[in-house]
Amino acid sequence: MALGDRKTREAVVVSDAMQKTRVVRIERVYRHPRYERVVRSAKKVKAHDEANESRVGDRVLIEETRPLSREKRWRISKILTRVS
C-alpha cells in the first residue's frame, strides 16, 4: 500500500432510509491467533452515496475519505452486485 492510497472494503448495504447516506456492514473473517478458530466479526459504518443508487442487500465497494459529517468517513465507490 503506497502513501496516499485509500482503504477500500467490500460491504453490504443494510439501511437506505437516509438521503445520500447508507448504513453498510463490513464483515471480516479471520483465524484466531491462539485458538485457530475461524472468527467472523462485523462492523456497521455510514457511507456516502451521492446518487442514492444503492439499495438494501446490494454488495458495494466503499473507500475511505475525509470526514463528510459527524459519522461519515466512507464513500460508496462502486456497486458490485445488485439485489433484485
PDB file of N, CA and C in Angstrom:
ATOM      1  N   MET A   1       0.849  -1.180   0.000  1.00  0.00           N
ATOM      2  CA  MET A   1       0.000   0.000   0.000  1.00  0.00           C
ATOM      3  C   MET A   1       0.893   1.240   0.000  1.00  0.00           C
ATOM      4  N   ALA A   2       0.813   2.002  -1.056  1.00  0.00           N
ATOM      5  CA  ALA A   2       1.653   3.193  -1.198  1.00  0.00           C
ATOM      6  C   ALA A   2       1.083   4.359  -0.405  1.00  0.00           C
ATOM      7  N   LEU A   3       1.901   5.344  -0.195  1.00  0.00           N
ATOM      8  CA  LEU A   3       1.467   6.531   0.508  1.00  0.00           C
ATOM      9  C   LEU A   3       0.364   7.228  -0.284  1.00  0.00           C
ATOM     10  N   GLY A   4      -0.726   7.554   0.373  1.00  0.00           N
ATOM     11  CA  GLY A   4      -1.830   8.233  -0.302  1.00  0.00           C
ATOM     12  C   GLY A   4      -2.914   7.302  -0.810  1.00  0.00           C
ATOM     13  N   ASP A   5      -2.684   5.989  -0.769  1.00  0.00           N
ATOM     14  CA  ASP A   5      -3.730   5.046  -1.179  1.00  0.00           C
ATOM     15  C   ASP A   5      -4.838   5.027  -0.135  1.00  0.00           C
ATOM     16  N   ARG A   6      -6.069   4.954  -0.610  1.00  0.00           N
ATOM     17  CA  ARG A   6      -7.195   4.926   0.312  1.00  0.00           C
ATOM     18  C   ARG A   6      -7.582   3.491   0.634  1.00  0.00           C
ATOM     19  N   LYS A   7      -8.036   3.258   1.873  1.00  0.00           N
ATOM     20  CA  LYS A   7      -8.521   1.935   2.254  1.00  0.00           C
ATOM     21  C   LYS A   7      -9.803   1.656   1.489  1.00  0.00           C
ATOM     22  N   THR A   8      -9.965   0.438   1.023  1.00  0.00           N
ATOM     23  CA  THR A   8     -11.221   0.023   0.391  1.00  0.00           C
ATOM     24  C   THR A   8     -11.692  -1.253   1.070  1.00  0.00           C
ATOM     25  N   ARG A   9     -12.994  -1.391   1.176  1.00  0.00           N
ATOM     26  CA  ARG A   9     -13.595  -2.566   1.792  1.00  0.00           C
ATOM     27  C   ARG A   9     -14.830  -2.982   0.994  1.00  0.00           C
ATOM     28  N   GLU A  10     -15.145  -4.272   1.031  1.00  0.00           N
ATOM     29  CA  GLU A  10     -16.413  -4.744   0.482  1.00  0.00           C
ATOM     30  C   GLU A  10     -17.409  -4.762   1.616  1.00  0.00           C
ATOM     31  N   ALA A  11     -18.646  -4.334   1.326  1.00  0.00           N
ATOM     32  CA  ALA A  11     -19.655  -4.256   2.377  1.00  0.00           C
ATOM     33  C   ALA A  11     -21.031  -4.531   1.781  1.00  0.00           C
ATOM     34  N   VAL A  12     -21.999  -4.763   2.660  1.00  0.00           N
ATOM     35  CA  VAL A  12     -23.385  -4.990   2.257  1.00  0.00           C
ATOM     36  C   VAL A  12     -24.233  -3.870   2.841  1.00  0.00           C
ATOM     37  N   VAL A  13     -25.103  -3.296   2.016  1.00  0.00           N
ATOM     38  CA  VAL A  13     -25.976  -2.214   2.470  1.00  0.00           C
ATOM     39  C   VAL A  13     -27.067  -2.809   3.358  1.00  0.00           C
ATOM     40  N   VAL A  14     -27.217  -2.263   4.575  1.00  0.00           N
ATOM     41  CA  VAL A  14     -28.243  -2.766   5.492  1.00  0.00           C
ATOM     42  C   VAL A  14     -29.369  -1.756   5.721  1.00  0.00           C
ATOM     43  N   SER A  15     -29.151  -0.480   5.355  1.00  0.00           N
ATOM     44  CA  SER A  15     -30.202   0.520   5.501  1.00  0.00           C
ATOM     45  C   SER A  15     -30.037   1.601   4.445  1.00  0.00           C
ATOM     46  N   ASP A  16     -31.182   1.979   3.823  1.00  0.00           N
ATOM     47  CA  ASP A  16     -31.154   3.069   2.844  1.00  0.00           C
ATOM     48  C   ASP A  16     -32.226   4.107   3.171  1.00  0.00           C
ATOM     49  N   ALA A  17     -32.501   4.294   4.448  1.00  0.00           N
ATOM     50  CA  ALA A  17     -33.579   5.186   4.871  1.00  0.00           C
ATOM     51  C   ALA A  17     -33.201   6.665   4.775  1.00  0.00           C
ATOM     52  N   MET A  18     -31.907   6.978   4.811  1.00  0.00           N
ATOM     53  CA  MET A  18     -31.472   8.376   4.793  1.00  0.00           C
ATOM     54  C   MET A  18     -31.178   8.842   3.374  1.00  0.00           C
ATOM     55  N   GLN A  19     -31.203  10.154   3.186  1.00  0.00           N
ATOM     56  CA  GLN A  19     -30.854  10.739   1.888  1.00  0.00           C
ATOM     57  C   GLN A  19     -29.333  10.787   1.742  1.00  0.00           C
ATOM     58  N   LYS A  20     -28.822  10.235   0.652  1.00  0.00           N
ATOM     59  CA  LYS A  20     -27.391  10.258   0.305  1.00  0.00           C
ATOM     60  C   LYS A  20     -26.501   9.571   1.337  1.00  0.00           C
ATOM     61  N   THR A  21     -27.072   8.778   2.208  1.00  0.00           N
ATOM     62  CA  THR A  21     -26.302   8.042   3.215  1.00  0.00           C
ATOM     63  C   THR A  21     -26.806   6.610   3.276  1.00  0.00           C
ATOM     64  N   ARG A  22     -25.892   5.676   3.357  1.00  0.00           N
ATOM     65  CA  ARG A  22     -26.245   4.269   3.508  1.00  0.00           C
ATOM     66  C   ARG A  22     -25.512   3.710   4.724  1.00  0.00           C
ATOM     67  N   VAL A  23     -26.183   2.840   5.445  1.00  0.00           N
ATOM     68  CA  VAL A  23     -25.520   2.115   6.522  1.00  0.00           C
ATOM     69  C   VAL A  23     -25.065   0.795   5.909  1.00  0.00           C
ATOM     70  N   VAL A  24     -23.762   0.533   5.990  1.00  0.00           N
ATOM     71  CA  VAL A  24     -23.215  -0.690   5.393  1.00  0.00           C
ATOM     72  C   VAL A  24     -22.553  -1.529   6.476  1.00  0.00           C
ATOM     73  N   ARG A  25     -22.513  -2.835   6.232  1.00  0.00           N
ATOM     74  CA  ARG A  25     -21.944  -3.780   7.178  1.00  0.00           C
ATOM     75  C   ARG A  25     -20.677  -4.365   6.564  1.00  0.00           C
ATOM     76  N   ILE A  26     -19.552  -4.104   7.220  1.00  0.00           N
ATOM     77  CA  ILE A  26     -18.265  -4.651   6.774  1.00  0.00           C
ATOM     78  C   ILE A  26     -18.023  -5.914   7.585  1.00  0.00           C
ATOM     79  N   GLU A  27     -17.892  -7.044   6.906  1.00  0.00           N
ATOM     80  CA  GLU A  27     -17.675  -8.308   7.601  1.00  0.00           C
ATOM     81  C   GLU A  27     -16.235  -8.755   7.400  1.00  0.00           C
ATOM     82  N   ARG A  28     -15.633  -9.233   8.470  1.00  0.00           N
ATOM     83  CA  ARG A  28     -14.235  -9.649   8.438  1.00  0.00           C
ATOM     84  C   ARG A  28     -14.150 -11.076   8.952  1.00  0.00           C
ATOM     85  N   VAL A  29     -13.487 -11.936   8.219  1.00  0.00           N
ATOM     86  CA  VAL A  29     -13.314 -13.330   8.621  1.00  0.00           C
ATOM     87  C   VAL A  29     -11.817 -13.570   8.790  1.00  0.00           C
ATOM     88  N   TYR A  30     -11.424 -14.034   9.983  1.00  0.00           N
ATOM     89  CA  TYR A  30     -10.006 -14.280  10.236  1.00  0.00           C
ATOM     90  C   TYR A  30      -9.855 -15.449  11.194  1.00  0.00           C
ATOM     91  N   ARG A  31      -8.649 -15.994  11.251  1.00  0.00           N
ATOM     92  CA  ARG A  31      -8.355 -17.109  12.151  1.00  0.00           C
ATOM     93  C   ARG A  31      -7.798 -16.557  13.457  1.00  0.00           C
ATOM     94  N   HIS A  32      -8.332 -17.028  14.579  1.00  0.00           N
ATOM     95  CA  HIS A  32      -7.881 -16.554  15.885  1.00  0.00           C
ATOM     96  C   HIS A  32      -6.413 -16.934  16.093  1.00  0.00           C
ATOM     97  N   PRO A  33      -5.590 -15.987  16.561  1.00  0.00           N
ATOM     98  CA  PRO A  33      -4.156 -16.264  16.663  1.00  0.00           C
ATOM     99  C   PRO A  33      -3.791 -17.413  17.603  1.00  0.00           C
ATOM    100  N   ARG A  34      -4.495 -17.559  18.692  1.00  0.00           N
ATOM    101  CA  ARG A  34      -4.150 -18.627  19.639  1.00  0.00           C
ATOM    102  C   ARG A  34      -4.984 -19.886  19.410  1.00  0.00           C
ATOM    103  N   TYR A  35      -6.300 -19.739  19.254  1.00  0.00           N
ATOM    104  CA  TYR A  35      -7.177 -20.901  19.244  1.00  0.00           C
ATOM    105  C   TYR A  35      -7.449 -21.444  17.854  1.00  0.00           C
ATOM    106  N   GLU A  36      -6.956 -20.764  16.813  1.00  0.00           N
ATOM    107  CA  GLU A  36      -7.056 -21.241  15.434  1.00  0.00           C
ATOM    108  C   GLU A  36      -8.491 -21.437  14.941  1.00  0.00           C
ATOM    109  N   ARG A  37      -9.461 -20.902  15.671  1.00  0.00           N
ATOM    110  CA  ARG A  37     -10.850 -20.977  15.205  1.00  0.00           C
ATOM    111  C   ARG A  37     -11.107 -19.861  14.210  1.00  0.00           C
ATOM    112  N   VAL A  38     -12.041 -20.083  13.287  1.00  0.00           N
ATOM    113  CA  VAL A  38     -12.418 -19.035  12.354  1.00  0.00           C
ATOM    114  C   VAL A  38     -13.384 -18.091  13.063  1.00  0.00           C
ATOM    115  N   VAL A  39     -13.050 -16.806  13.070  1.00  0.00           N
ATOM    116  CA  VAL A  39     -13.847 -15.802  13.764  1.00  0.00           C
ATOM    117  C   VAL A  39     -14.444 -14.859  12.733  1.00  0.00           C
ATOM    118  N   ARG A  40     -15.742 -14.592  12.855  1.00  0.00           N
ATOM    119  CA  ARG A  40     -16.411 -13.634  11.986  1.00  0.00           C
ATOM    120  C   ARG A  40     -16.759 -12.420  12.831  1.00  0.00           C
ATOM    121  N   SER A  41     -16.309 -11.251  12.399  1.00  0.00           N
ATOM    122  CA  SER A  41     -16.685 -10.046  13.110  1.00  0.00           C
ATOM    123  C   SER A  41     -17.220  -9.052  12.104  1.00  0.00           C
ATOM    124  N   ALA A  42     -18.143  -8.213  12.541  1.00  0.00           N
ATOM    125  CA  ALA A  42     -18.770  -7.250  11.636  1.00  0.00           C
ATOM    126  C   ALA A  42     -18.814  -5.886  12.291  1.00  0.00           C
ATOM    127  N   LYS A  43     -18.826  -4.882  11.429  1.00  0.00           N
ATOM    128  CA  LYS A  43     -18.877  -3.505  11.893  1.00  0.00           C
ATOM    129  C   LYS A  43     -19.803  -2.745  10.954  1.00  0.00           C
ATOM    130  N   LYS A  44     -20.668  -1.908  11.525  1.00  0.00           N
ATOM    131  CA  LYS A  44     -21.553  -1.091  10.698  1.00  0.00           C
ATOM    132  C   LYS A  44     -21.020   0.328  10.646  1.00  0.00           C
ATOM    133  N   VAL A  45     -20.927   0.879   9.439  1.00  0.00           N
ATOM    134  CA  VAL A  45     -20.483   2.256   9.258  1.00  0.00           C
ATOM    135  C   VAL A  45     -21.436   2.960   8.307  1.00  0.00           C
ATOM    136  N   LYS A  46     -21.410   4.294   8.340  1.00  0.00           N
ATOM    137  CA  LYS A  46     -22.213   5.084   7.412  1.00  0.00           C
ATOM    138  C   LYS A  46     -21.359   5.468   6.221  1.00  0.00           C
ATOM    139  N   ALA A  47     -21.916   5.334   5.022  1.00  0.00           N
ATOM    140  CA  ALA A  47     -21.185   5.644   3.792  1.00  0.00           C
ATOM    141  C   ALA A  47     -21.998   6.604   2.940  1.00  0.00           C
ATOM    142  N   HIS A  48     -21.299   7.486   2.244  1.00  0.00           N
ATOM    143  CA  HIS A  48     -21.942   8.488   1.402  1.00  0.00           C
ATOM    144  C   HIS A  48     -22.274   7.885   0.039  1.00  0.00           C
ATOM    145  N   ASP A  49     -23.513   8.098  -0.415  1.00  0.00           N
ATOM    146  CA  ASP A  49     -23.967   7.638  -1.730  1.00  0.00           C
ATOM    147  C   ASP A  49     -24.612   8.827  -2.429  1.00  0.00           C
ATOM    148  N   GLU A  50     -23.833   9.533  -3.221  1.00  0.00           N
ATOM    149  CA  GLU A  50     -24.264  10.803  -3.810  1.00  0.00           C
ATOM    150  C   GLU A  50     -25.523  10.677  -4.654  1.00  0.00           C
ATOM    151  N   ALA A  51     -25.637   9.611  -5.433  1.00  0.00           N
ATOM    152  CA  ALA A  51     -26.764   9.479  -6.373  1.00  0.00           C
ATOM    153  C   ALA A  51     -27.931   8.664  -5.818  1.00  0.00           C
ATOM    154  N   ASN A  52     -27.869   8.232  -4.573  1.00  0.00           N
ATOM    155  CA  ASN A  52     -28.914   7.392  -3.964  1.00  0.00           C
ATOM    156  C   ASN A  52     -29.189   6.142  -4.793  1.00  0.00           C
ATOM    157  N   GLU A  53     -28.139   5.517  -5.339  1.00  0.00           N
ATOM    158  CA  GLU A  53     -28.316   4.373  -6.237  1.00  0.00           C
ATOM    159  C   GLU A  53     -28.460   3.036  -5.509  1.00  0.00           C
ATOM    160  N   SER A  54     -27.748   2.854  -4.412  1.00  0.00           N
ATOM    161  CA  SER A  54     -27.715   1.543  -3.764  1.00  0.00           C
ATOM    162  C   SER A  54     -28.981   1.274  -2.958  1.00  0.00           C
ATOM    163  N   ARG A  55     -29.316   0.011  -2.849  1.00  0.00           N
ATOM    164  CA  ARG A  55     -30.488  -0.437  -2.103  1.00  0.00           C
ATOM    165  C   ARG A  55     -30.066  -1.474  -1.066  1.00  0.00           C
ATOM    166  N   VAL A  56     -30.962  -1.797  -0.152  1.00  0.00           N
ATOM    167  CA  VAL A  56     -30.673  -2.779   0.898  1.00  0.00           C
ATOM    168  C   VAL A  56     -30.359  -4.128   0.246  1.00  0.00           C
ATOM    169  N   GLY A  57     -29.254  -4.738   0.673  1.00  0.00           N
ATOM    170  CA  GLY A  57     -28.850  -6.036   0.147  1.00  0.00           C
ATOM    171  C   GLY A  57     -27.772  -5.956  -0.922  1.00  0.00           C
ATOM    172  N   ASP A  58     -27.546  -4.778  -1.490  1.00  0.00           N
ATOM    173  CA  ASP A  58     -26.508  -4.631  -2.511  1.00  0.00           C
ATOM    174  C   ASP A  58     -25.133  -4.825  -1.895  1.00  0.00           C
ATOM    175  N   ARG A  59     -24.247  -5.467  -2.659  1.00  0.00           N
ATOM    176  CA  ARG A  59     -22.842  -5.592  -2.250  1.00  0.00           C
ATOM    177  C   ARG A  59     -22.093  -4.440  -2.907  1.00  0.00           C
ATOM    178  N   VAL A  60     -21.396  -3.634  -2.096  1.00  0.00           N
ATOM    179  CA  VAL A  60     -20.758  -2.422  -2.599  1.00  0.00           C
ATOM    180  C   VAL A  60     -19.283  -2.382  -2.215  1.00  0.00           C
ATOM    181  N   LEU A  61     -18.528  -1.557  -2.942  1.00  0.00           N
ATOM    182  CA  LEU A  61     -17.145  -1.286  -2.619  1.00  0.00           C
ATOM    183  C   LEU A  61     -17.100   0.124  -2.041  1.00  0.00           C
ATOM    184  N   ILE A  62     -16.579   0.252  -0.811  1.00  0.00           N
ATOM    185  CA  ILE A  62     -16.513   1.571  -0.186  1.00  0.00           C
ATOM    186  C   ILE A  62     -15.062   1.960  -0.020  1.00  0.00           C
ATOM    187  N   GLU A  63     -14.794   3.268  -0.068  1.00  0.00           N
ATOM    188  CA  GLU A  63     -13.431   3.746   0.130  1.00  0.00           C
ATOM    189  C   GLU A  63     -13.419   4.818   1.201  1.00  0.00           C
ATOM    190  N   GLU A  64     -12.314   4.865   1.920  1.00  0.00           N
ATOM    191  CA  GLU A  64     -12.140   5.835   2.983  1.00  0.00           C
ATOM    192  C   GLU A  64     -12.008   7.227   2.376  1.00  0.00           C
ATOM    193  N   THR A  65     -12.557   8.215   3.048  1.00  0.00           N
ATOM    194  CA  THR A  65     -12.487   9.585   2.557  1.00  0.00           C
ATOM    195  C   THR A  65     -12.382  10.546   3.737  1.00  0.00           C
ATOM    196  N   ARG A  66     -12.278  11.829   3.440  1.00  0.00           N
ATOM    197  CA  ARG A  66     -12.230  12.827   4.501  1.00  0.00           C
ATOM    198  C   ARG A  66     -13.563  12.824   5.246  1.00  0.00           C
ATOM    199  N   PRO A  67     -13.643  13.339   6.458  1.00  0.00           N
ATOM    200  CA  PRO A  67     -14.924  13.377   7.173  1.00  0.00           C
ATOM    201  C   PRO A  67     -15.962  14.189   6.401  1.00  0.00           C
ATOM    202  N   LEU A  68     -17.098  13.554   6.090  1.00  0.00           N
ATOM    203  CA  LEU A  68     -18.172  14.211   5.356  1.00  0.00           C
ATOM    204  C   LEU A  68     -19.246  14.721   6.300  1.00  0.00           C
ATOM    205  N   SER A  69     -19.346  14.124   7.478  1.00  0.00           N
ATOM    206  CA  SER A  69     -20.272  14.580   8.513  1.00  0.00           C
ATOM    207  C   SER A  69     -19.743  14.043   9.840  1.00  0.00           C
ATOM    208  N   ARG A  70     -20.560  14.112  10.866  1.00  0.00           N
ATOM    209  CA  ARG A  70     -20.091  13.668  12.187  1.00  0.00           C
ATOM    210  C   ARG A  70     -19.732  12.187  12.206  1.00  0.00           C
ATOM    211  N   GLU A  71     -20.454  11.368  11.438  1.00  0.00           N
ATOM    212  CA  GLU A  71     -20.216   9.923  11.459  1.00  0.00           C
ATOM    213  C   GLU A  71     -19.750   9.338  10.130  1.00  0.00           C
ATOM    214  N   LYS A  72     -19.833  10.099   9.043  1.00  0.00           N
ATOM    215  CA  LYS A  72     -19.484   9.547   7.727  1.00  0.00           C
ATOM    216  C   LYS A  72     -18.024   9.771   7.387  1.00  0.00           C
ATOM    217  N   ARG A  73     -17.291   8.654   7.208  1.00  0.00           N
ATOM    218  CA  ARG A  73     -15.897   8.710   6.785  1.00  0.00           C
ATOM    219  C   ARG A  73     -15.640   7.782   5.605  1.00  0.00           C
ATOM    220  N   TRP A  74     -16.689   7.246   5.007  1.00  0.00           N
ATOM    221  CA  TRP A  74     -16.575   6.332   3.873  1.00  0.00           C
ATOM    222  C   TRP A  74     -17.483   6.810   2.745  1.00  0.00           C
ATOM    223  N   ARG A  75     -17.129   6.434   1.527  1.00  0.00           N
ATOM    224  CA  ARG A  75     -17.904   6.789   0.337  1.00  0.00           C
ATOM    225  C   ARG A  75     -18.076   5.535  -0.508  1.00  0.00           C
ATOM    226  N   ILE A  76     -19.292   5.320  -1.039  1.00  0.00           N
ATOM    227  CA  ILE A  76     -19.537   4.176  -1.918  1.00  0.00           C
ATOM    228  C   ILE A  76     -18.935   4.506  -3.280  1.00  0.00           C
ATOM    229  N   SER A  77     -17.976   3.673  -3.710  1.00  0.00           N
ATOM    230  CA  SER A  77     -17.310   3.947  -4.982  1.00  0.00           C
ATOM    231  C   SER A  77     -17.888   3.118  -6.118  1.00  0.00           C
ATOM    232  N   LYS A  78     -18.402   1.910  -5.811  1.00  0.00           N
ATOM    233  CA  LYS A  78     -18.928   1.060  -6.868  1.00  0.00           C
ATOM    234  C   LYS A  78     -19.934   0.075  -6.289  1.00  0.00           C
ATOM    235  N   ILE A  79     -20.989  -0.211  -7.070  1.00  0.00           N
ATOM    236  CA  ILE A  79     -21.934  -1.260  -6.680  1.00  0.00           C
ATOM    237  C   ILE A  79     -21.488  -2.539  -7.376  1.00  0.00           C
ATOM    238  N   LEU A  80     -21.121  -3.556  -6.601  1.00  0.00           N
ATOM    239  CA  LEU A  80     -20.586  -4.794  -7.164  1.00  0.00           C
ATOM    240  C   LEU A  80     -21.700  -5.724  -7.634  1.00  0.00           C
ATOM    241  N   THR A  81     -22.658  -6.009  -6.761  1.00  0.00           N
ATOM    242  CA  THR A  81     -23.802  -6.834  -7.165  1.00  0.00           C
ATOM    243  C   THR A  81     -25.078  -6.194  -6.638  1.00  0.00           C
ATOM    244  N   ARG A  82     -26.099  -6.222  -7.449  1.00  0.00           N
ATOM    245  CA  ARG A  82     -27.391  -5.661  -7.064  1.00  0.00           C
ATOM    246  C   ARG A  82     -28.321  -6.770  -6.622  1.00  0.00           C
ATOM    247  N   VAL A  83     -29.204  -6.450  -5.678  1.00  0.00           N
ATOM    248  CA  VAL A  83     -30.235  -7.392  -5.267  1.00  0.00           C
ATOM    249  C   VAL A  83     -31.469  -7.070  -6.115  1.00  0.00           C
ATOM    250  N   SER A  84     -32.165  -8.116  -6.547  1.00  0.00           N
ATOM    251  CA  SER A  84     -33.297  -7.862  -7.455  1.00  0.00           C
ATOM    252  C   SER A  84     -34.595  -7.584  -6.746  1.00  0.00           C
TER     253      SER A  84
END
